[in-house]
């Protein structure tokens, strides 16, 4: 009944996997502040008591439900059934992303203000802190999708997809956001540039409910 984790994932948990395997079924259903981390890259820590039993996880290993990458955290990736908000791992959590640095022409203070604004306006999250020396951004989410940052000059990653419209302000910034209903699967995130958005709109594709990303083009946007 204890959760499983592939050794190849490189993830570490808190409590440690060895401790989880010693827990009773009742204890596994109430693990406090459960955390998954890809050391040096990112982490997600679920608030309060979380059920990490295999039954609650739908029989899936932890690293199939939680995908941790450089500057990206996904819980319940595309194609996997997402439980209602508050069930399974689709619950409030703290996310920490490493390697979040401003561009050369941007001060750390200005960069943090941008992060703060986009956390709130872009994907309905709460900005907690930014550590400029470590390049670590911490924010709190109420539910899950993909939360990713592509901000520094060397970053070129982006996710794809869509259907439904975003607000004009988010279109200008390169973020497409929509708050999902608790009864529906939580959508993934898309990171697109304004140019890519115009191309998709021209092709009639539109955008679906996406939340949680900052595109590289945002670095040129003036902070209000």
Protein backbone atom coordinates (compact mmCIF):
# COMPACT_ATOMS: atom_id res chain seq x y z
CA UNK A 1 0.00 0.00 0.00
CA UNK A 2 3.06 2.29 0.29
CA UNK A 3 3.76 4.60 -2.67
CA UNK A 4 6.31 3.65 -5.29
CA UNK A 5 9.06 5.78 -6.82
CA UNK A 6 11.39 4.93 -9.69
CA UNK A 7 15.05 5.16 -8.70
CA UNK A 8 15.78 6.54 -12.17
CA UNK A 9 13.63 9.60 -11.46
CA UNK A 10 16.25 11.11 -9.18
CA UNK A 11 13.48 12.39 -6.89
CA UNK A 12 13.73 12.45 -3.11
CA UNK A 13 10.79 12.52 -0.74
CA UNK A 14 10.08 13.91 2.68
CA UNK A 15 9.40 11.73 4.63
CA UNK A 16 11.96 9.44 2.97
CA UNK A 17 10.70 6.46 0.97
CA UNK A 18 12.11 4.05 3.54
CA UNK A 19 10.02 5.72 6.24
CA UNK A 20 6.90 5.70 4.07
CA UNK A 21 7.31 1.97 3.47
CA UNK A 22 7.27 1.36 7.22
CA UNK A 23 4.04 3.27 7.74
CA UNK A 24 0.70 1.62 8.33
CA UNK A 25 -2.19 2.10 5.92
CA UNK A 26 -3.73 4.62 8.31
CA UNK A 27 -0.49 6.62 8.53
CA UNK A 28 -0.08 6.68 4.74
CA UNK A 29 -3.47 8.30 4.43
CA UNK A 30 -2.37 11.20 6.64
CA UNK A 31 1.22 12.16 5.76
CA UNK A 32 1.86 15.74 6.85
CA UNK A 33 3.57 18.22 4.51
CA UNK A 34 4.58 15.55 2.00
CA UNK A 35 7.35 16.77 -0.31
CA UNK A 36 8.81 15.63 -3.61
CA UNK A 37 12.03 17.21 -4.85
CA UNK A 38 14.39 17.01 -7.79
CA UNK A 39 17.51 18.29 -6.01
CA UNK A 40 18.88 21.52 -7.42
CA UNK A 41 15.94 21.99 -9.79
CA UNK A 42 12.52 22.20 -8.16
CA UNK A 43 10.21 20.82 -5.51
CA UNK A 44 6.56 20.60 -4.51
CA UNK A 45 5.36 20.36 -0.90
CA UNK A 46 1.72 19.55 -0.24
CA UNK A 47 0.11 21.39 2.63
CA UNK A 48 -1.42 19.61 5.60
CA UNK A 49 -2.21 15.91 5.53
CA UNK A 50 -1.96 14.08 2.21
CA UNK A 51 -3.05 10.54 1.34
CA UNK A 52 -0.06 8.97 -0.43
CA UNK A 53 -1.32 5.39 -0.38
CA UNK A 54 -1.24 3.54 -3.71
CA UNK A 55 -5.04 3.48 -3.68
CA UNK A 56 -5.19 7.30 -3.47
CA UNK A 57 -2.56 7.54 -6.20
CA UNK A 58 -4.62 5.35 -8.52
CA UNK A 59 -1.92 2.68 -8.49
CA UNK A 60 0.58 4.99 -10.22
CA UNK A 61 4.19 5.51 -9.05
CA UNK A 62 4.81 8.99 -7.67
CA UNK A 63 7.09 9.97 -10.57
CA UNK A 64 4.30 9.25 -13.07
CA UNK A 65 1.91 11.61 -11.31
CA UNK A 66 4.44 14.32 -10.42
CA UNK A 67 6.82 15.40 -13.18
CA UNK A 68 9.71 17.55 -11.95
CA UNK A 69 12.00 19.18 -14.50
CA UNK A 70 14.21 22.24 -14.76
CA UNK A 71 12.00 25.19 -13.79
CA UNK A 72 8.84 23.10 -14.18
CA UNK A 73 6.47 21.18 -11.91
CA UNK A 74 3.56 19.15 -13.27
CA UNK A 75 1.09 17.15 -11.21
CA UNK A 76 -1.25 14.86 -13.17
CA UNK A 77 0.25 15.29 -16.65
CA UNK A 78 -1.82 15.29 -19.82
CA UNK A 79 -3.61 12.01 -20.43
CA UNK A 80 -3.87 11.12 -16.73
CA UNK A 81 -7.18 11.38 -14.92
CA UNK A 82 -7.11 14.30 -12.50
CA UNK A 83 -9.13 14.01 -9.29
CA UNK A 84 -11.27 16.85 -8.01
CA UNK A 85 -9.48 19.67 -6.24
CA UNK A 86 -8.70 18.56 -2.70
CA UNK A 87 -8.38 14.87 -3.56
CA UNK A 88 -5.26 12.85 -4.28
CA UNK A 89 -2.35 15.19 -5.02
CA UNK A 90 -4.57 17.86 -6.55
CA UNK A 91 -4.38 20.02 -3.45
CA UNK A 92 -2.75 23.22 -2.16
CA UNK A 93 1.04 23.17 -2.26
CA UNK A 94 4.21 25.22 -2.22
CA UNK A 95 6.33 25.12 -5.36
CA UNK A 96 9.99 26.08 -5.50
CA UNK A 97 11.67 26.63 -8.85
CA UNK A 98 15.44 27.03 -9.09
CA UNK A 99 17.45 28.86 -11.81
CA UNK A 100 15.03 31.79 -11.90
CA UNK A 101 17.19 34.75 -12.79
CA UNK A 102 16.51 38.17 -14.31
CA UNK A 103 17.88 39.21 -17.65
CA UNK A 104 21.11 41.18 -17.69
CA UNK A 105 19.28 44.48 -18.08
CA UNK A 106 16.82 43.79 -15.24
CA UNK A 107 17.33 44.27 -11.51
CA UNK A 108 16.40 41.49 -9.05
CA UNK A 109 13.82 43.77 -7.47
CA UNK A 110 12.11 44.46 -10.78
CA UNK A 111 12.26 40.78 -11.65
CA UNK A 112 10.59 39.82 -8.36
CA UNK A 113 7.82 42.34 -8.94
CA UNK A 114 7.24 40.72 -12.32
CA UNK A 115 7.10 37.28 -10.70
CA UNK A 116 4.71 38.55 -8.04
CA UNK A 117 2.35 40.07 -10.58
CA UNK A 118 2.39 37.07 -12.87
CA UNK A 119 1.85 34.65 -9.98
CA UNK A 120 -1.37 36.47 -9.13
CA UNK A 121 -2.59 37.61 -12.54
CA UNK A 122 -1.14 34.88 -14.70
CA UNK A 123 -2.04 31.72 -12.84
CA UNK A 124 -4.02 32.55 -9.74
CA UNK A 125 -1.21 31.67 -7.34
CA UNK A 126 0.31 33.44 -4.34
CA UNK A 127 3.86 34.75 -4.54
CA UNK A 128 5.75 33.75 -1.39
CA UNK A 129 9.36 34.76 -1.94
CA UNK A 130 12.21 35.22 -4.37
CA UNK A 131 15.81 34.56 -3.33
CA UNK A 132 17.96 36.46 -5.85
CA UNK A 133 21.28 35.02 -4.69
CA UNK A 134 20.01 31.46 -5.03
CA UNK A 135 17.70 32.16 -7.98
CA UNK A 136 14.84 30.37 -6.20
CA UNK A 137 11.20 31.39 -6.60
CA UNK A 138 8.60 30.07 -4.15
CA UNK A 139 4.86 30.38 -4.70
CA UNK A 140 1.69 28.73 -3.43
CA UNK A 141 -1.02 27.12 -5.57
CA UNK A 142 -4.51 25.93 -4.69
CA UNK A 143 -4.64 23.16 -7.27
CA UNK A 144 -2.56 21.55 -9.97
CA UNK A 145 -1.64 21.92 -13.59
CA UNK A 146 1.88 22.59 -14.91
CA UNK A 147 3.76 25.49 -13.33
CA UNK A 148 6.83 26.51 -15.29
CA UNK A 149 9.16 29.44 -15.82
CA UNK A 150 11.08 30.24 -18.99
CA UNK A 151 12.64 33.58 -18.19
CA UNK A 152 16.41 33.70 -18.65
CA UNK A 153 18.10 34.37 -21.96
CA UNK A 154 19.26 30.81 -22.55
CA UNK A 155 15.81 29.27 -22.00
CA UNK A 156 14.03 28.06 -25.11
CA UNK A 157 11.52 25.53 -23.75
CA UNK A 158 7.82 25.81 -24.31
CA UNK A 159 4.78 23.59 -23.95
CA UNK A 160 2.08 23.33 -26.56
CA UNK A 161 -1.64 23.00 -26.95
CA UNK A 162 -4.99 24.42 -26.84
CA UNK A 163 -8.66 25.64 -26.94
CA UNK A 164 -10.48 28.76 -25.32
CA UNK A 165 -9.49 32.33 -24.97
CA UNK A 166 -7.33 34.22 -22.54
CA UNK A 167 -7.61 37.80 -21.45
CA UNK A 168 -6.09 40.52 -23.61
CA UNK A 169 -3.55 41.33 -20.91
CA UNK A 170 -2.36 37.76 -20.70
CA UNK A 171 -2.22 37.47 -24.47
CA UNK A 172 0.16 40.44 -24.56
CA UNK A 173 2.35 38.83 -21.92
CA UNK A 174 2.46 35.39 -23.48
CA UNK A 175 0.50 33.68 -20.69
CA UNK A 176 -2.77 31.91 -21.31
CA UNK A 177 -4.75 31.37 -18.13
CA UNK A 178 -8.11 30.04 -17.08
CA UNK A 179 -9.29 28.76 -13.72
CA UNK A 180 -10.52 25.16 -13.99
CA UNK A 181 -13.68 23.90 -12.36
CA UNK A 182 -13.23 21.56 -9.41
CA UNK A 183 -15.21 18.84 -11.17
CA UNK A 184 -13.22 18.88 -14.38
CA UNK A 185 -9.71 17.60 -15.13
CA UNK A 186 -7.16 20.30 -14.35
CA UNK A 187 -5.52 21.50 -17.59
CA UNK A 188 -1.85 21.69 -18.42
CA UNK A 189 0.07 24.86 -19.08
CA UNK A 190 1.18 26.41 -22.31
CA UNK A 191 4.05 28.85 -22.70
CA UNK A 192 3.83 30.75 -25.94
CA UNK A 193 5.18 33.93 -27.37
CA UNK A 194 2.82 36.58 -28.74
CA UNK A 195 3.94 35.56 -32.24
CA UNK A 196 3.00 31.92 -31.61
CA UNK A 197 -0.36 33.01 -30.26
CA UNK A 198 -1.12 35.00 -33.39
CA UNK A 199 -0.17 32.01 -35.58
CA UNK A 200 -2.45 29.64 -33.65
CA UNK A 201 -5.32 32.09 -33.65
CA UNK A 202 -4.91 32.48 -37.40
CA UNK A 203 -5.12 28.72 -37.78
CA UNK A 204 -8.31 28.66 -35.71
CA UNK A 205 -6.84 26.64 -32.85
CA UNK A 206 -7.51 29.02 -29.96
CA UNK A 207 -6.47 28.23 -26.41
CA UNK A 208 -7.73 25.93 -23.66
CA UNK A 209 -7.58 26.56 -19.91
CA UNK A 210 -3.93 26.95 -19.18
CA UNK A 211 -2.23 28.33 -16.08
CA UNK A 212 1.16 28.86 -14.63
CA UNK A 213 3.93 30.02 -16.95
CA UNK A 214 6.05 33.01 -17.87
CA UNK A 215 7.37 33.30 -21.42
CA UNK A 216 10.73 34.78 -22.28
CA UNK A 217 9.04 37.67 -24.05
CA UNK A 218 7.73 38.91 -20.70
CA UNK A 219 11.17 40.20 -19.84
CA UNK A 220 10.62 43.03 -22.30
CA UNK A 221 7.29 44.02 -20.77
CA UNK A 222 7.43 47.12 -18.52
CA UNK A 223 6.36 46.64 -14.94
CA UNK A 224 3.41 48.82 -14.18
